[in-house]
N, C-alpha and C. Protein backbone atom coordinates (compact mmCIF):
# COMPACT_ATOMS: atom_id res chain seq x y z
N MET A 1 46.01 86.39 4.97
CA MET A 1 46.10 87.29 3.99
C MET A 1 47.53 88.11 4.04
N ALA A 2 48.19 88.06 2.78
CA ALA A 2 49.52 88.79 2.72
C ALA A 2 49.23 90.14 2.55
N VAL A 3 50.13 90.99 3.03
CA VAL A 3 50.16 92.49 2.90
C VAL A 3 51.46 92.71 1.89
N GLY A 4 51.21 93.91 1.19
CA GLY A 4 52.41 94.22 0.59
C GLY A 4 53.42 94.96 1.28
N LYS A 5 54.46 95.14 0.40
CA LYS A 5 55.54 95.86 1.09
C LYS A 5 55.48 97.20 1.80
N GLY A 6 54.66 97.91 0.92
CA GLY A 6 54.31 99.22 1.53
C GLY A 6 53.55 99.19 2.77
N ALA A 7 52.42 98.27 3.01
CA ALA A 7 51.81 98.39 4.01
C ALA A 7 52.58 97.70 5.03
N PHE A 8 53.11 96.77 5.00
CA PHE A 8 54.06 96.14 5.87
C PHE A 8 55.12 97.26 6.62
N ASN A 9 55.62 98.05 5.52
CA ASN A 9 56.57 98.93 6.19
C ASN A 9 55.87 100.11 6.98
N GLU A 10 54.56 100.54 6.68
CA GLU A 10 54.04 101.29 7.31
C GLU A 10 53.41 101.01 8.63
N ARG A 11 53.06 99.65 8.99
CA ARG A 11 52.89 98.98 10.06
C ARG A 11 53.97 98.95 11.09
N VAL A 12 55.26 98.64 10.52
CA VAL A 12 56.36 98.55 11.11
C VAL A 12 56.63 100.11 11.63
N LYS A 13 56.59 101.10 10.96
CA LYS A 13 56.73 102.61 11.32
C LYS A 13 55.74 102.97 12.39
N LEU A 14 54.50 102.42 12.33
CA LEU A 14 53.60 102.70 13.32
C LEU A 14 54.00 102.01 14.73
N LEU A 15 54.51 100.83 14.67
CA LEU A 15 54.76 100.13 15.86
C LEU A 15 56.37 100.84 16.62
N ALA A 16 57.04 101.34 15.75
CA ALA A 16 58.17 102.16 16.19
C ALA A 16 57.62 103.50 16.83
N ASN A 17 56.78 104.05 16.20
CA ASN A 17 56.28 105.34 16.67
C ASN A 17 55.49 104.96 18.01
N LEU A 18 54.77 103.93 18.19
CA LEU A 18 54.26 103.66 19.37
C LEU A 18 55.39 103.73 20.50
N PHE A 19 56.37 102.95 20.17
CA PHE A 19 57.38 102.75 21.29
C PHE A 19 58.02 104.00 21.48
N GLN A 20 58.32 104.94 20.48
CA GLN A 20 59.07 106.06 20.77
C GLN A 20 58.00 107.28 21.49
N SER A 21 56.67 107.04 21.31
CA SER A 21 55.71 107.78 22.01
C SER A 21 55.55 107.51 23.66
N ILE A 22 55.77 106.29 23.80
CA ILE A 22 55.60 105.80 25.19
C ILE A 22 56.85 106.27 25.85
N ALA A 23 58.12 106.17 25.09
CA ALA A 23 59.37 106.62 25.73
C ALA A 23 59.36 108.17 25.98
N THR A 24 58.77 108.95 25.19
CA THR A 24 58.61 110.29 25.41
C THR A 24 57.70 110.62 26.57
N THR A 25 56.63 109.85 26.66
CA THR A 25 55.76 109.98 27.98
C THR A 25 56.41 109.40 29.24
N SER A 26 57.39 108.70 28.94
CA SER A 26 58.12 108.17 30.41
C SER A 26 58.98 109.21 30.71
N ILE A 27 59.59 109.80 30.03
CA ILE A 27 60.44 111.02 30.33
C ILE A 27 59.48 112.03 31.01
N GLY A 28 58.44 112.28 30.36
CA GLY A 28 57.35 113.29 31.13
C GLY A 28 57.02 112.94 32.56
N VAL A 29 56.58 111.55 32.36
CA VAL A 29 56.18 110.99 33.92
C VAL A 29 57.17 111.07 34.87
N GLY A 30 58.40 110.54 34.37
CA GLY A 30 59.52 110.19 35.46
C GLY A 30 60.41 111.28 35.78
N LEU A 31 60.43 112.37 34.77
CA LEU A 31 61.47 113.48 35.29
C LEU A 31 60.60 114.84 35.30
N LEU A 32 59.96 115.11 34.55
CA LEU A 32 59.31 116.51 34.18
C LEU A 32 58.05 116.43 35.19
N ALA A 33 57.01 115.45 35.55
CA ALA A 33 56.25 115.70 36.48
C ALA A 33 56.60 115.90 37.90
N PRO A 34 57.82 115.14 38.43
CA PRO A 34 58.17 115.31 39.59
C PRO A 34 59.09 116.64 39.85
N LEU A 35 59.74 117.04 38.73
CA LEU A 35 60.21 118.16 38.77
C LEU A 35 59.23 119.43 38.81
N ALA A 36 58.11 119.38 38.14
CA ALA A 36 57.24 120.24 38.23
C ALA A 36 56.43 120.28 39.48
N ALA A 37 56.16 119.21 40.21
CA ALA A 37 55.48 119.28 41.50
C ALA A 37 56.48 119.32 42.72
N SER A 38 57.64 119.41 42.48
CA SER A 38 58.74 119.94 43.38
C SER A 38 58.51 121.16 43.53
N LEU A 39 58.47 121.88 42.36
CA LEU A 39 58.47 123.46 42.36
C LEU A 39 57.08 124.14 42.90
N TYR A 40 56.14 123.29 42.95
CA TYR A 40 54.82 123.84 43.66
C TYR A 40 54.57 123.28 44.83
N THR A 41 55.49 122.83 45.57
CA THR A 41 55.03 122.42 46.98
C THR A 41 55.96 123.35 48.13
N SER A 42 55.52 123.26 49.04
CA SER A 42 56.02 124.16 49.99
C SER A 42 57.32 123.67 50.88
N GLN A 43 57.59 122.26 50.42
CA GLN A 43 58.65 121.33 50.94
C GLN A 43 60.19 121.69 50.26
N GLY A 44 60.10 122.58 49.22
CA GLY A 44 61.36 122.73 48.82
C GLY A 44 61.59 122.01 47.34
N PHE A 45 62.75 122.05 46.86
CA PHE A 45 63.07 121.63 45.64
C PHE A 45 63.59 120.12 45.94
N SER A 46 62.87 119.11 45.58
CA SER A 46 63.36 117.73 45.89
C SER A 46 62.65 116.88 44.54
N VAL A 47 63.56 116.35 44.22
CA VAL A 47 63.17 115.34 42.86
C VAL A 47 63.68 114.16 43.19
N PRO A 48 62.70 113.03 43.20
CA PRO A 48 63.36 111.48 43.63
C PRO A 48 64.21 111.06 42.41
N TRP A 49 65.44 111.20 42.48
CA TRP A 49 66.19 111.04 41.22
C TRP A 49 66.57 109.64 41.01
N SER A 50 66.46 108.73 42.00
CA SER A 50 66.48 107.10 41.71
C SER A 50 65.29 106.76 40.78
N GLY A 51 64.11 107.14 41.32
CA GLY A 51 62.91 106.93 40.32
C GLY A 51 62.91 107.62 39.25
N ALA A 52 63.57 108.67 38.97
CA ALA A 52 63.65 109.39 37.50
C ALA A 52 64.74 108.85 36.73
N MET A 53 65.73 108.22 37.37
CA MET A 53 66.73 107.49 36.61
C MET A 53 65.98 106.12 35.86
N LEU A 54 65.43 105.50 36.82
CA LEU A 54 64.43 104.35 36.21
C LEU A 54 63.53 104.74 35.22
N TRP A 55 62.92 105.71 35.14
CA TRP A 55 62.24 106.31 33.98
C TRP A 55 62.90 106.43 32.88
N MET A 56 64.05 107.24 33.29
CA MET A 56 64.98 107.38 31.82
C MET A 56 65.39 106.25 31.30
N VAL A 57 66.03 105.28 32.26
CA VAL A 57 66.54 104.05 31.59
C VAL A 57 65.37 103.20 30.81
N TRP A 58 63.92 103.44 31.29
CA TRP A 58 63.02 102.82 30.86
C TRP A 58 62.73 103.42 29.30
N ALA A 59 62.86 104.81 29.24
CA ALA A 59 62.62 105.41 27.79
C ALA A 59 63.81 105.12 27.07
N GLY A 60 64.87 104.87 27.52
CA GLY A 60 66.00 104.38 26.67
C GLY A 60 65.69 103.00 26.11
N VAL A 61 65.30 102.07 26.98
CA VAL A 61 65.11 100.65 26.38
C VAL A 61 63.93 100.87 25.31
N LEU A 62 62.95 101.70 25.42
CA LEU A 62 61.95 101.76 24.49
C LEU A 62 62.61 102.41 23.20
N HIS A 63 63.24 103.47 23.50
CA HIS A 63 63.78 103.97 22.06
C HIS A 63 64.61 103.09 21.48
N GLY A 64 65.38 102.15 22.16
CA GLY A 64 66.16 101.12 21.50
C GLY A 64 65.38 100.07 20.91
N ALA A 65 64.13 99.68 21.49
CA ALA A 65 63.16 98.88 20.72
C ALA A 65 62.59 99.40 19.49
N ALA A 66 62.38 100.78 19.40
CA ALA A 66 61.94 101.46 18.32
C ALA A 66 62.96 101.44 17.21
N GLN A 67 64.00 101.35 17.45
CA GLN A 67 65.29 101.27 16.46
C GLN A 67 65.35 99.80 16.00
N LEU A 68 65.22 98.88 16.84
CA LEU A 68 65.11 97.54 16.45
C LEU A 68 64.00 97.23 15.50
N VAL A 69 63.03 97.68 15.80
CA VAL A 69 61.65 97.70 15.04
C VAL A 69 62.09 98.21 13.55
N LEU A 70 62.53 99.41 13.65
CA LEU A 70 62.97 100.03 12.30
C LEU A 70 63.68 99.24 11.54
N GLY A 71 64.62 98.56 12.09
CA GLY A 71 65.49 97.60 11.27
C GLY A 71 64.63 96.38 10.57
N ARG A 72 63.50 96.27 10.81
CA ARG A 72 62.76 95.30 10.02
C ARG A 72 61.97 95.83 8.77
N LEU A 73 62.33 97.28 8.43
CA LEU A 73 61.81 97.49 7.35
C LEU A 73 62.22 96.84 6.06
N ARG A 74 61.29 96.71 4.98
CA ARG A 74 61.82 95.98 3.81
C ARG A 74 62.04 96.96 2.61
N GLU A 75 62.99 96.80 2.00
CA GLU A 75 63.65 97.58 0.85
C GLU A 75 62.75 97.21 -0.33
């Protein structure tokens, strides 16, 4: 079944939004959660920066994927 241009564009936007939401969640999981956890432990302020950087890179990749998906919009 063929979909119209409007429906196709909305599906593309929905997919891009999914990638962007996962990217935002990755920042929360990889950076904000360890930072908050380190503030509430008795061991002092310690964030696993290598792991946080991996999460940030992953978030960047997902953001790039969202940009590529949006490039498929039809005029």
